[in-house]
């Protein structure tokens, strides 16, 4: 099965495609792990990837990341988790479109 970003010009019409939505997750506790984030969002559907962002030079977490989920699961997670407490911090969850960079 092939995965496509929502609105991608490469996405063919048909029932064999799965549309993924990328969510931005901000204000994460610096101690949060990919497994914890996947578990939290996994309550709403399949999590395809979690990408936490780290500072290039220090290697320390920057407190935000991105998560790829099925379209409807992402909408449900966004509606339910935005503004909730996670590890003592109020999560900021937004739908974001990210361009795929090549080269």
PDB file of N, CA and C in Angstrom:
ATOM      1  N   UNK A   1       0.850  -1.168   0.000  1.00  0.00           N
ATOM      2  CA  UNK A   1       0.000   0.000   0.000  1.00  0.00           C
ATOM      3  C   UNK A   1       0.898   1.233   0.000  1.00  0.00           C
ATOM      4  N   UNK A   2       0.524   2.254  -0.723  1.00  0.00           N
ATOM      5  CA  UNK A   2       1.290   3.491  -0.815  1.00  0.00           C
ATOM      6  C   UNK A   2       0.654   4.554   0.051  1.00  0.00           C
ATOM      7  N   UNK A   3       1.494   5.376   0.689  1.00  0.00           N
ATOM      8  CA  UNK A   3       1.026   6.431   1.574  1.00  0.00           C
ATOM      9  C   UNK A   3       1.159   7.768   0.881  1.00  0.00           C
ATOM     10  N   UNK A   4       0.158   8.622   1.049  1.00  0.00           N
ATOM     11  CA  UNK A   4       0.159   9.941   0.437  1.00  0.00           C
ATOM     12  C   UNK A   4      -0.215  10.992   1.464  1.00  0.00           C
ATOM     13  N   UNK A   5       0.356  12.160   1.330  1.00  0.00           N
ATOM     14  CA  UNK A   5      -0.035  13.295   2.153  1.00  0.00           C
ATOM     15  C   UNK A   5      -1.353  13.837   1.614  1.00  0.00           C
ATOM     16  N   UNK A   6      -2.219  14.384   2.502  1.00  0.00           N
ATOM     17  CA  UNK A   6      -3.464  14.973   2.032  1.00  0.00           C
ATOM     18  C   UNK A   6      -3.188  16.071   1.012  1.00  0.00           C
ATOM     19  N   UNK A   7      -3.935  16.058  -0.072  1.00  0.00           N
ATOM     20  CA  UNK A   7      -3.806  17.081  -1.101  1.00  0.00           C
ATOM     21  C   UNK A   7      -2.631  16.888  -2.034  1.00  0.00           C
ATOM     22  N   UNK A   8      -1.899  15.793  -1.874  1.00  0.00           N
ATOM     23  CA  UNK A   8      -0.749  15.549  -2.727  1.00  0.00           C
ATOM     24  C   UNK A   8      -1.196  15.350  -4.172  1.00  0.00           C
ATOM     25  N   UNK A   9      -0.518  16.007  -5.126  1.00  0.00           N
ATOM     26  CA  UNK A   9      -0.903  15.817  -6.526  1.00  0.00           C
ATOM     27  C   UNK A   9      -0.620  14.401  -7.013  1.00  0.00           C
ATOM     28  N   UNK A  10       0.232  13.673  -6.301  1.00  0.00           N
ATOM     29  CA  UNK A  10       0.556  12.296  -6.681  1.00  0.00           C
ATOM     30  C   UNK A  10      -0.468  11.284  -6.198  1.00  0.00           C
ATOM     31  N   UNK A  11      -1.371  11.706  -5.332  1.00  0.00           N
ATOM     32  CA  UNK A  11      -2.328  10.775  -4.738  1.00  0.00           C
ATOM     33  C   UNK A  11      -3.380  10.372  -5.768  1.00  0.00           C
ATOM     34  N   UNK A  12      -3.412   9.107  -6.136  1.00  0.00           N
ATOM     35  CA  UNK A  12      -4.420   8.658  -7.103  1.00  0.00           C
ATOM     36  C   UNK A  12      -5.780   8.485  -6.447  1.00  0.00           C
ATOM     37  N   UNK A  13      -6.804   8.575  -7.250  1.00  0.00           N
ATOM     38  CA  UNK A  13      -8.149   8.309  -6.743  1.00  0.00           C
ATOM     39  C   UNK A  13      -8.308   6.801  -6.616  1.00  0.00           C
ATOM     40  N   UNK A  14      -9.086   6.374  -5.662  1.00  0.00           N
ATOM     41  CA  UNK A  14      -9.318   4.943  -5.523  1.00  0.00           C
ATOM     42  C   UNK A  14      -9.348   4.524  -4.074  1.00  0.00           C
ATOM     43  N   UNK A  15      -9.810   3.298  -3.860  1.00  0.00           N
ATOM     44  CA  UNK A  15     -10.004   2.827  -2.497  1.00  0.00           C
ATOM     45  C   UNK A  15      -8.743   2.232  -1.877  1.00  0.00           C
ATOM     46  N   UNK A  16      -7.659   2.048  -2.640  1.00  0.00           N
ATOM     47  CA  UNK A  16      -6.452   1.437  -2.113  1.00  0.00           C
ATOM     48  C   UNK A  16      -5.465   2.437  -1.531  1.00  0.00           C
ATOM     49  N   UNK A  17      -5.853   3.681  -1.418  1.00  0.00           N
ATOM     50  CA  UNK A  17      -4.912   4.653  -0.886  1.00  0.00           C
ATOM     51  C   UNK A  17      -5.262   4.977   0.562  1.00  0.00           C
ATOM     52  N   UNK A  18      -4.257   5.282   1.332  1.00  0.00           N
ATOM     53  CA  UNK A  18      -4.440   5.708   2.703  1.00  0.00           C
ATOM     54  C   UNK A  18      -3.885   7.113   2.818  1.00  0.00           C
ATOM     55  N   UNK A  19      -4.676   8.013   3.347  1.00  0.00           N
ATOM     56  CA  UNK A  19      -4.243   9.395   3.491  1.00  0.00           C
ATOM     57  C   UNK A  19      -3.751   9.608   4.910  1.00  0.00           C
ATOM     58  N   UNK A  20      -2.526  10.132   5.022  1.00  0.00           N
ATOM     59  CA  UNK A  20      -1.957  10.430   6.320  1.00  0.00           C
ATOM     60  C   UNK A  20      -2.009  11.925   6.565  1.00  0.00           C
ATOM     61  N   UNK A  21      -2.197  12.281   7.798  1.00  0.00           N
ATOM     62  CA  UNK A  21      -2.169  13.682   8.188  1.00  0.00           C
ATOM     63  C   UNK A  21      -1.042  13.848   9.193  1.00  0.00           C
ATOM     64  N   UNK A  22      -0.284  14.923   9.037  1.00  0.00           N
ATOM     65  CA  UNK A  22       0.787  15.238   9.966  1.00  0.00           C
ATOM     66  C   UNK A  22       0.285  16.257  10.968  1.00  0.00           C
ATOM     67  N   UNK A  23       0.471  15.944  12.237  1.00  0.00           N
ATOM     68  CA  UNK A  23       0.116  16.861  13.304  1.00  0.00           C
ATOM     69  C   UNK A  23       1.387  17.426  13.923  1.00  0.00           C
ATOM     70  N   UNK A  24       1.372  18.720  14.200  1.00  0.00           N
ATOM     71  CA  UNK A  24       2.426  19.370  14.960  1.00  0.00           C
ATOM     72  C   UNK A  24       2.045  19.245  16.428  1.00  0.00           C
ATOM     73  N   UNK A  25       3.010  18.870  17.272  1.00  0.00           N
ATOM     74  CA  UNK A  25       2.767  18.764  18.704  1.00  0.00           C
ATOM     75  C   UNK A  25       3.767  19.684  19.392  1.00  0.00           C
ATOM     76  N   UNK A  26       3.260  20.720  20.033  1.00  0.00           N
ATOM     77  CA  UNK A  26       4.125  21.680  20.698  1.00  0.00           C
ATOM     78  C   UNK A  26       3.948  21.673  22.199  1.00  0.00           C
ATOM     79  N   UNK A  27       4.899  22.306  22.871  1.00  0.00           N
ATOM     80  CA  UNK A  27       4.919  22.438  24.327  1.00  0.00           C
ATOM     81  C   UNK A  27       5.034  21.076  25.018  1.00  0.00           C
ATOM     82  N   UNK A  28       5.792  20.187  24.403  1.00  0.00           N
ATOM     83  CA  UNK A  28       6.022  18.865  24.993  1.00  0.00           C
ATOM     84  C   UNK A  28       7.007  18.973  26.158  1.00  0.00           C
ATOM     85  N   UNK A  29       6.839  18.133  27.172  1.00  0.00           N
ATOM     86  CA  UNK A  29       7.860  18.069  28.216  1.00  0.00           C
ATOM     87  C   UNK A  29       9.172  17.593  27.583  1.00  0.00           C
ATOM     88  N   UNK A  30      10.287  18.141  28.021  1.00  0.00           N
ATOM     89  CA  UNK A  30      11.563  17.779  27.414  1.00  0.00           C
ATOM     90  C   UNK A  30      11.913  16.310  27.648  1.00  0.00           C
ATOM     91  N   UNK A  31      11.327  15.684  28.644  1.00  0.00           N
ATOM     92  CA  UNK A  31      11.596  14.279  28.936  1.00  0.00           C
ATOM     93  C   UNK A  31      10.699  13.323  28.146  1.00  0.00           C
ATOM     94  N   UNK A  32       9.766  13.845  27.345  1.00  0.00           N
ATOM     95  CA  UNK A  32       8.839  12.988  26.598  1.00  0.00           C
ATOM     96  C   UNK A  32       9.600  12.129  25.585  1.00  0.00           C
ATOM     97  N   UNK A  33       9.172  10.878  25.454  1.00  0.00           N
ATOM     98  CA  UNK A  33       9.797   9.961  24.505  1.00  0.00           C
ATOM     99  C   UNK A  33       8.851   9.695  23.335  1.00  0.00           C
ATOM    100  N   UNK A  34       9.411   9.171  22.254  1.00  0.00           N
ATOM    101  CA  UNK A  34       8.589   8.810  21.103  1.00  0.00           C
ATOM    102  C   UNK A  34       7.546   7.765  21.488  1.00  0.00           C
ATOM    103  N   UNK A  35       7.926   6.824  22.323  1.00  0.00           N
ATOM    104  CA  UNK A  35       6.995   5.773  22.744  1.00  0.00           C
ATOM    105  C   UNK A  35       5.821   6.355  23.530  1.00  0.00           C
ATOM    106  N   UNK A  36       6.093   7.309  24.417  1.00  0.00           N
ATOM    107  CA  UNK A  36       5.013   7.933  25.190  1.00  0.00           C
ATOM    108  C   UNK A  36       4.057   8.711  24.288  1.00  0.00           C
ATOM    109  N   UNK A  37       4.607   9.424  23.315  1.00  0.00           N
ATOM    110  CA  UNK A  37       3.778  10.191  22.389  1.00  0.00           C
ATOM    111  C   UNK A  37       2.948   9.242  21.531  1.00  0.00           C
ATOM    112  N   UNK A  38       3.570   8.169  21.039  1.00  0.00           N
ATOM    113  CA  UNK A  38       2.848   7.189  20.228  1.00  0.00           C
ATOM    114  C   UNK A  38       1.720   6.546  21.029  1.00  0.00           C
ATOM    115  N   UNK A  39       1.967   6.265  22.295  1.00  0.00           N
ATOM    116  CA  UNK A  39       0.933   5.672  23.144  1.00  0.00           C
ATOM    117  C   UNK A  39      -0.223   6.648  23.369  1.00  0.00           C
ATOM    118  N   UNK A  40       0.102   7.904  23.650  1.00  0.00           N
ATOM    119  CA  UNK A  40      -0.923   8.920  23.885  1.00  0.00           C
ATOM    120  C   UNK A  40      -1.816   9.101  22.661  1.00  0.00           C
ATOM    121  N   UNK A  41      -1.219   9.246  21.495  1.00  0.00           N
ATOM    122  CA  UNK A  41      -1.989   9.475  20.275  1.00  0.00           C
ATOM    123  C   UNK A  41      -2.583   8.183  19.729  1.00  0.00           C
ATOM    124  N   UNK A  42      -1.991   7.039  20.086  1.00  0.00           N
ATOM    125  CA  UNK A  42      -2.475   5.745  19.626  1.00  0.00           C
ATOM    126  C   UNK A  42      -3.870   5.393  20.125  1.00  0.00           C
ATOM    127  N   UNK A  43      -4.333   6.092  21.133  1.00  0.00           N
ATOM    128  CA  UNK A  43      -5.703   5.863  21.629  1.00  0.00           C
ATOM    129  C   UNK A  43      -6.737   6.266  20.588  1.00  0.00           C
ATOM    130  N   UNK A  44      -6.336   7.068  19.612  1.00  0.00           N
ATOM    131  CA  UNK A  44      -7.282   7.582  18.618  1.00  0.00           C
ATOM    132  C   UNK A  44      -7.151   6.896  17.268  1.00  0.00           C
ATOM    133  N   UNK A  45      -6.138   6.073  17.092  1.00  0.00           N
ATOM    134  CA  UNK A  45      -5.957   5.365  15.824  1.00  0.00           C
ATOM    135  C   UNK A  45      -4.492   5.015  15.612  1.00  0.00           C
ATOM    136  N   UNK A  46      -4.194   4.536  14.440  1.00  0.00           N
ATOM    137  CA  UNK A  46      -2.845   4.086  14.115  1.00  0.00           C
ATOM    138  C   UNK A  46      -1.886   5.259  13.989  1.00  0.00           C
ATOM    139  N   UNK A  47      -0.779   5.161  14.698  1.00  0.00           N
ATOM    140  CA  UNK A  47       0.307   6.131  14.589  1.00  0.00           C
ATOM    141  C   UNK A  47       1.343   5.542  13.643  1.00  0.00           C
ATOM    142  N   UNK A  48       1.619   6.241  12.549  1.00  0.00           N
ATOM    143  CA  UNK A  48       2.569   5.734  11.563  1.00  0.00           C
ATOM    144  C   UNK A  48       3.995   6.186  11.846  1.00  0.00           C
ATOM    145  N   UNK A  49       4.151   7.372  12.424  1.00  0.00           N
ATOM    146  CA  UNK A  49       5.491   7.817  12.793  1.00  0.00           C
ATOM    147  C   UNK A  49       5.405   8.947  13.809  1.00  0.00           C
ATOM    148  N   UNK A  50       6.451   9.025  14.635  1.00  0.00           N
ATOM    149  CA  UNK A  50       6.614  10.115  15.591  1.00  0.00           C
ATOM    150  C   UNK A  50       8.023  10.656  15.374  1.00  0.00           C
ATOM    151  N   UNK A  51       8.123  11.967  15.210  1.00  0.00           N
ATOM    152  CA  UNK A  51       9.416  12.593  14.990  1.00  0.00           C
ATOM    153  C   UNK A  51       9.579  13.748  15.971  1.00  0.00           C
ATOM    154  N   UNK A  52      10.321  13.504  17.046  1.00  0.00           N
ATOM    155  CA  UNK A  52      10.600  14.557  18.013  1.00  0.00           C
ATOM    156  C   UNK A  52      11.842  15.314  17.541  1.00  0.00           C
ATOM    157  N   UNK A  53      11.839  16.631  17.718  1.00  0.00           N
ATOM    158  CA  UNK A  53      12.906  17.473  17.194  1.00  0.00           C
ATOM    159  C   UNK A  53      13.913  17.781  18.297  1.00  0.00           C
ATOM    160  N   UNK A  54      15.204  17.647  17.937  1.00  0.00           N
ATOM    161  CA  UNK A  54      16.301  17.885  18.867  1.00  0.00           C
ATOM    162  C   UNK A  54      17.204  18.994  18.323  1.00  0.00           C
ATOM    163  N   UNK A  55      17.831  19.725  19.232  1.00  0.00           N
ATOM    164  CA  UNK A  55      18.763  20.781  18.852  1.00  0.00           C
ATOM    165  C   UNK A  55      19.970  20.141  18.175  1.00  0.00           C
ATOM    166  N   UNK A  56      20.387  20.689  17.048  1.00  0.00           N
ATOM    167  CA  UNK A  56      21.479  20.086  16.270  1.00  0.00           C
ATOM    168  C   UNK A  56      22.791  20.004  17.030  1.00  0.00           C
ATOM    169  N   UNK A  57      23.138  21.062  17.725  1.00  0.00           N
ATOM    170  CA  UNK A  57      24.451  21.104  18.367  1.00  0.00           C
ATOM    171  C   UNK A  57      24.469  20.441  19.742  1.00  0.00           C
ATOM    172  N   UNK A  58      23.466  20.689  20.541  1.00  0.00           N
ATOM    173  CA  UNK A  58      23.474  20.154  21.911  1.00  0.00           C
ATOM    174  C   UNK A  58      22.835  18.774  22.013  1.00  0.00           C
ATOM    175  N   UNK A  59      21.959  18.423  21.054  1.00  0.00           N
ATOM    176  CA  UNK A  59      21.270  17.142  21.108  1.00  0.00           C
ATOM    177  C   UNK A  59      20.108  17.108  22.083  1.00  0.00           C
ATOM    178  N   UNK A  60      19.798  18.262  22.683  1.00  0.00           N
ATOM    179  CA  UNK A  60      18.697  18.335  23.645  1.00  0.00           C
ATOM    180  C   UNK A  60      17.362  18.467  22.923  1.00  0.00           C
ATOM    181  N   UNK A  61      16.302  17.934  23.540  1.00  0.00           N
ATOM    182  CA  UNK A  61      14.971  18.058  22.930  1.00  0.00           C
ATOM    183  C   UNK A  61      14.552  19.526  22.851  1.00  0.00           C
ATOM    184  N   UNK A  62      13.802  19.860  21.803  1.00  0.00           N
ATOM    185  CA  UNK A  62      13.346  21.236  21.625  1.00  0.00           C
ATOM    186  C   UNK A  62      11.912  21.436  22.095  1.00  0.00           C
ATOM    187  N   UNK A  63      11.225  20.357  22.492  1.00  0.00           N
ATOM    188  CA  UNK A  63       9.889  20.486  23.057  1.00  0.00           C
ATOM    189  C   UNK A  63       8.768  20.468  22.034  1.00  0.00           C
ATOM    190  N   UNK A  64       9.080  20.007  20.821  1.00  0.00           N
ATOM    191  CA  UNK A  64       8.022  19.859  19.823  1.00  0.00           C
ATOM    192  C   UNK A  64       8.378  18.726  18.879  1.00  0.00           C
ATOM    193  N   UNK A  65       7.391  18.339  18.084  1.00  0.00           N
ATOM    194  CA  UNK A  65       7.612  17.258  17.128  1.00  0.00           C
ATOM    195  C   UNK A  65       6.440  17.126  16.190  1.00  0.00           C
ATOM    196  N   UNK A  66       6.469  16.082  15.394  1.00  0.00           N
ATOM    197  CA  UNK A  66       5.443  15.813  14.396  1.00  0.00           C
ATOM    198  C   UNK A  66       5.032  14.356  14.494  1.00  0.00           C
ATOM    199  N   UNK A  67       3.776  14.095  14.183  1.00  0.00           N
ATOM    200  CA  UNK A  67       3.251  12.740  14.225  1.00  0.00           C
ATOM    201  C   UNK A  67       2.396  12.523  12.989  1.00  0.00           C
ATOM    202  N   UNK A  68       2.549  11.365  12.343  1.00  0.00           N
ATOM    203  CA  UNK A  68       1.742  10.996  11.178  1.00  0.00           C
ATOM    204  C   UNK A  68       0.717   9.960  11.595  1.00  0.00           C
ATOM    205  N   UNK A  69      -0.543  10.259  11.271  1.00  0.00           N
ATOM    206  CA  UNK A  69      -1.654   9.356  11.588  1.00  0.00           C
ATOM    207  C   UNK A  69      -2.609   9.297  10.406  1.00  0.00           C
ATOM    208  N   UNK A  70      -3.485   8.300  10.421  1.00  0.00           N
ATOM    209  CA  UNK A  70      -4.566   8.269   9.436  1.00  0.00           C
ATOM    210  C   UNK A  70      -5.390   9.536   9.586  1.00  0.00           C
ATOM    211  N   UNK A  71      -5.987   9.994   8.511  1.00  0.00           N
ATOM    212  CA  UNK A  71      -6.676  11.279   8.465  1.00  0.00           C
ATOM    213  C   UNK A  71      -7.703  11.457   9.584  1.00  0.00           C
ATOM    214  N   UNK A  72      -8.649  10.540   9.716  1.00  0.00           N
ATOM    215  CA  UNK A  72      -9.711  10.694  10.716  1.00  0.00           C
ATOM    216  C   UNK A  72      -9.180  10.555  12.136  1.00  0.00           C
ATOM    217  N   UNK A  73      -8.227   9.649  12.345  1.00  0.00           N
ATOM    218  CA  UNK A  73      -7.627   9.485  13.668  1.00  0.00           C
ATOM    219  C   UNK A  73      -6.907  10.758  14.087  1.00  0.00           C
ATOM    220  N   UNK A  74      -6.241  11.403  13.138  1.00  0.00           N
ATOM    221  CA  UNK A  74      -5.544  12.650  13.430  1.00  0.00           C
ATOM    222  C   UNK A  74      -6.530  13.742  13.827  1.00  0.00           C
ATOM    223  N   UNK A  75      -7.649  13.820  13.142  1.00  0.00           N
ATOM    224  CA  UNK A  75      -8.676  14.810  13.488  1.00  0.00           C
ATOM    225  C   UNK A  75      -9.216  14.570  14.890  1.00  0.00           C
ATOM    226  N   UNK A  76      -9.458  13.303  15.222  1.00  0.00           N
ATOM    227  CA  UNK A  76      -9.963  12.960  16.552  1.00  0.00           C
ATOM    228  C   UNK A  76      -8.938  13.309  17.636  1.00  0.00           C
ATOM    229  N   UNK A  77      -7.664  12.990  17.382  1.00  0.00           N
ATOM    230  CA  UNK A  77      -6.613  13.291  18.345  1.00  0.00           C
ATOM    231  C   UNK A  77      -6.457  14.797  18.520  1.00  0.00           C
ATOM    232  N   UNK A  78      -6.509  15.527  17.429  1.00  0.00           N
ATOM    233  CA  UNK A  78      -6.401  16.990  17.482  1.00  0.00           C
ATOM    234  C   UNK A  78      -7.506  17.581  18.345  1.00  0.00           C
ATOM    235  N   UNK A  79      -8.728  17.161  18.103  1.00  0.00           N
ATOM    236  CA  UNK A  79      -9.870  17.691  18.854  1.00  0.00           C
ATOM    237  C   UNK A  79      -9.795  17.323  20.342  1.00  0.00           C
ATOM    238  N   UNK A  80      -9.275  16.153  20.642  1.00  0.00           N
ATOM    239  CA  UNK A  80      -9.264  15.677  22.024  1.00  0.00           C
ATOM    240  C   UNK A  80      -8.040  16.116  22.828  1.00  0.00           C
ATOM    241  N   UNK A  81      -6.884  16.242  22.183  1.00  0.00           N
ATOM    242  CA  UNK A  81      -5.651  16.456  22.936  1.00  0.00           C
ATOM    243  C   UNK A  81      -5.159  17.901  22.965  1.00  0.00           C
ATOM    244  N   UNK A  82      -5.596  18.738  22.030  1.00  0.00           N
ATOM    245  CA  UNK A  82      -5.144  20.120  22.036  1.00  0.00           C
ATOM    246  C   UNK A  82      -5.607  20.806  23.325  1.00  0.00           C
ATOM    247  N   UNK A  83      -4.653  21.387  24.044  1.00  0.00           N
ATOM    248  CA  UNK A  83      -4.975  22.090  25.282  1.00  0.00           C
ATOM    249  C   UNK A  83      -5.017  21.207  26.518  1.00  0.00           C
ATOM    250  N   UNK A  84      -4.730  19.915  26.388  1.00  0.00           N
ATOM    251  CA  UNK A  84      -4.739  19.022  27.550  1.00  0.00           C
ATOM    252  C   UNK A  84      -3.361  18.988  28.212  1.00  0.00           C
ATOM    253  N   UNK A  85      -3.330  18.536  29.458  1.00  0.00           N
ATOM    254  CA  UNK A  85      -2.091  18.440  30.210  1.00  0.00           C
ATOM    255  C   UNK A  85      -1.391  17.123  29.888  1.00  0.00           C
ATOM    256  N   UNK A  86      -0.081  17.218  29.643  1.00  0.00           N
ATOM    257  CA  UNK A  86       0.741  16.032  29.429  1.00  0.00           C
ATOM    258  C   UNK A  86       2.091  16.304  30.099  1.00  0.00           C
ATOM    259  N   UNK A  87       2.379  15.583  31.149  1.00  0.00           N
ATOM    260  CA  UNK A  87       3.633  15.760  31.863  1.00  0.00           C
ATOM    261  C   UNK A  87       3.797  17.139  32.475  1.00  0.00           C
ATOM    262  N   UNK A  88       2.684  17.743  32.871  1.00  0.00           N
ATOM    263  CA  UNK A  88       2.742  19.050  33.494  1.00  0.00           C
ATOM    264  C   UNK A  88       2.775  20.223  32.529  1.00  0.00           C
ATOM    265  N   UNK A  89       2.606  19.949  31.235  1.00  0.00           N
ATOM    266  CA  UNK A  89       2.594  21.014  30.232  1.00  0.00           C
ATOM    267  C   UNK A  89       1.328  20.911  29.395  1.00  0.00           C
ATOM    268  N   UNK A  90       0.844  22.049  28.933  1.00  0.00           N
ATOM    269  CA  UNK A  90      -0.367  22.092  28.115  1.00  0.00           C
ATOM    270  C   UNK A  90       0.010  21.881  26.651  1.00  0.00           C
ATOM    271  N   UNK A  91      -0.469  20.775  26.072  1.00  0.00           N
ATOM    272  CA  UNK A  91      -0.131  20.447  24.690  1.00  0.00           C
ATOM    273  C   UNK A  91      -0.755  21.424  23.702  1.00  0.00           C
ATOM    274  N   UNK A  92      -0.008  21.700  22.659  1.00  0.00           N
ATOM    275  CA  UNK A  92      -0.509  22.466  21.524  1.00  0.00           C
ATOM    276  C   UNK A  92      -0.456  21.513  20.328  1.00  0.00           C
ATOM    277  N   UNK A  93      -1.616  21.146  19.820  1.00  0.00           N
ATOM    278  CA  UNK A  93      -1.691  20.201  18.699  1.00  0.00           C
ATOM    279  C   UNK A  93      -2.364  20.905  17.534  1.00  0.00           C
ATOM    280  N   UNK A  94      -1.701  20.900  16.381  1.00  0.00           N
ATOM    281  CA  UNK A  94      -2.227  21.560  15.186  1.00  0.00           C
ATOM    282  C   UNK A  94      -2.004  20.673  13.975  1.00  0.00           C
ATOM    283  N   UNK A  95      -2.892  20.796  13.005  1.00  0.00           N
ATOM    284  CA  UNK A  95      -2.695  20.125  11.720  1.00  0.00           C
ATOM    285  C   UNK A  95      -1.764  21.005  10.906  1.00  0.00           C
ATOM    286  N   UNK A  96      -0.723  20.409  10.391  1.00  0.00           N
ATOM    287  CA  UNK A  96       0.252  21.156   9.597  1.00  0.00           C
ATOM    288  C   UNK A  96       0.509  20.415   8.308  1.00  0.00           C
ATOM    289  N   UNK A  97       0.676  21.177   7.253  1.00  0.00           N
ATOM    290  CA  UNK A  97       1.112  20.594   5.979  1.00  0.00           C
ATOM    291  C   UNK A  97       2.593  20.867   5.859  1.00  0.00           C
ATOM    292  N   UNK A  98       3.357  19.800   5.684  1.00  0.00           N
ATOM    293  CA  UNK A  98       4.803  19.945   5.522  1.00  0.00           C
ATOM    294  C   UNK A  98       5.171  19.533   4.116  1.00  0.00           C
ATOM    295  N   UNK A  99       6.013  20.327   3.488  1.00  0.00           N
ATOM    296  CA  UNK A  99       6.507  19.987   2.165  1.00  0.00           C
ATOM    297  C   UNK A  99       7.595  18.933   2.308  1.00  0.00           C
ATOM    298  N   UNK A 100       7.608  17.991   1.403  1.00  0.00           N
ATOM    299  CA  UNK A 100       8.650  16.971   1.393  1.00  0.00           C
ATOM    300  C   UNK A 100       9.838  17.540   0.636  1.00  0.00           C
ATOM    301  N   UNK A 101      10.988  17.603   1.293  1.00  0.00           N
ATOM    302  CA  UNK A 101      12.194  18.151   0.672  1.00  0.00           C
ATOM    303  C   UNK A 101      12.976  17.048  -0.007  1.00  0.00           C
ATOM    304  N   UNK A 102      13.535  17.375  -1.132  1.00  0.00           N
ATOM    305  CA  UNK A 102      14.360  16.413  -1.843  1.00  0.00           C
ATOM    306  C   UNK A 102      15.757  16.986  -2.000  1.00  0.00           C
ATOM    307  N   UNK A 103      16.729  16.094  -2.137  1.00  0.00           N
ATOM    308  CA  UNK A 103      18.094  16.538  -2.421  1.00  0.00           C
ATOM    309  C   UNK A 103      18.927  16.737  -1.288  1.00  0.00           C
TER     310      UNK A 103
END
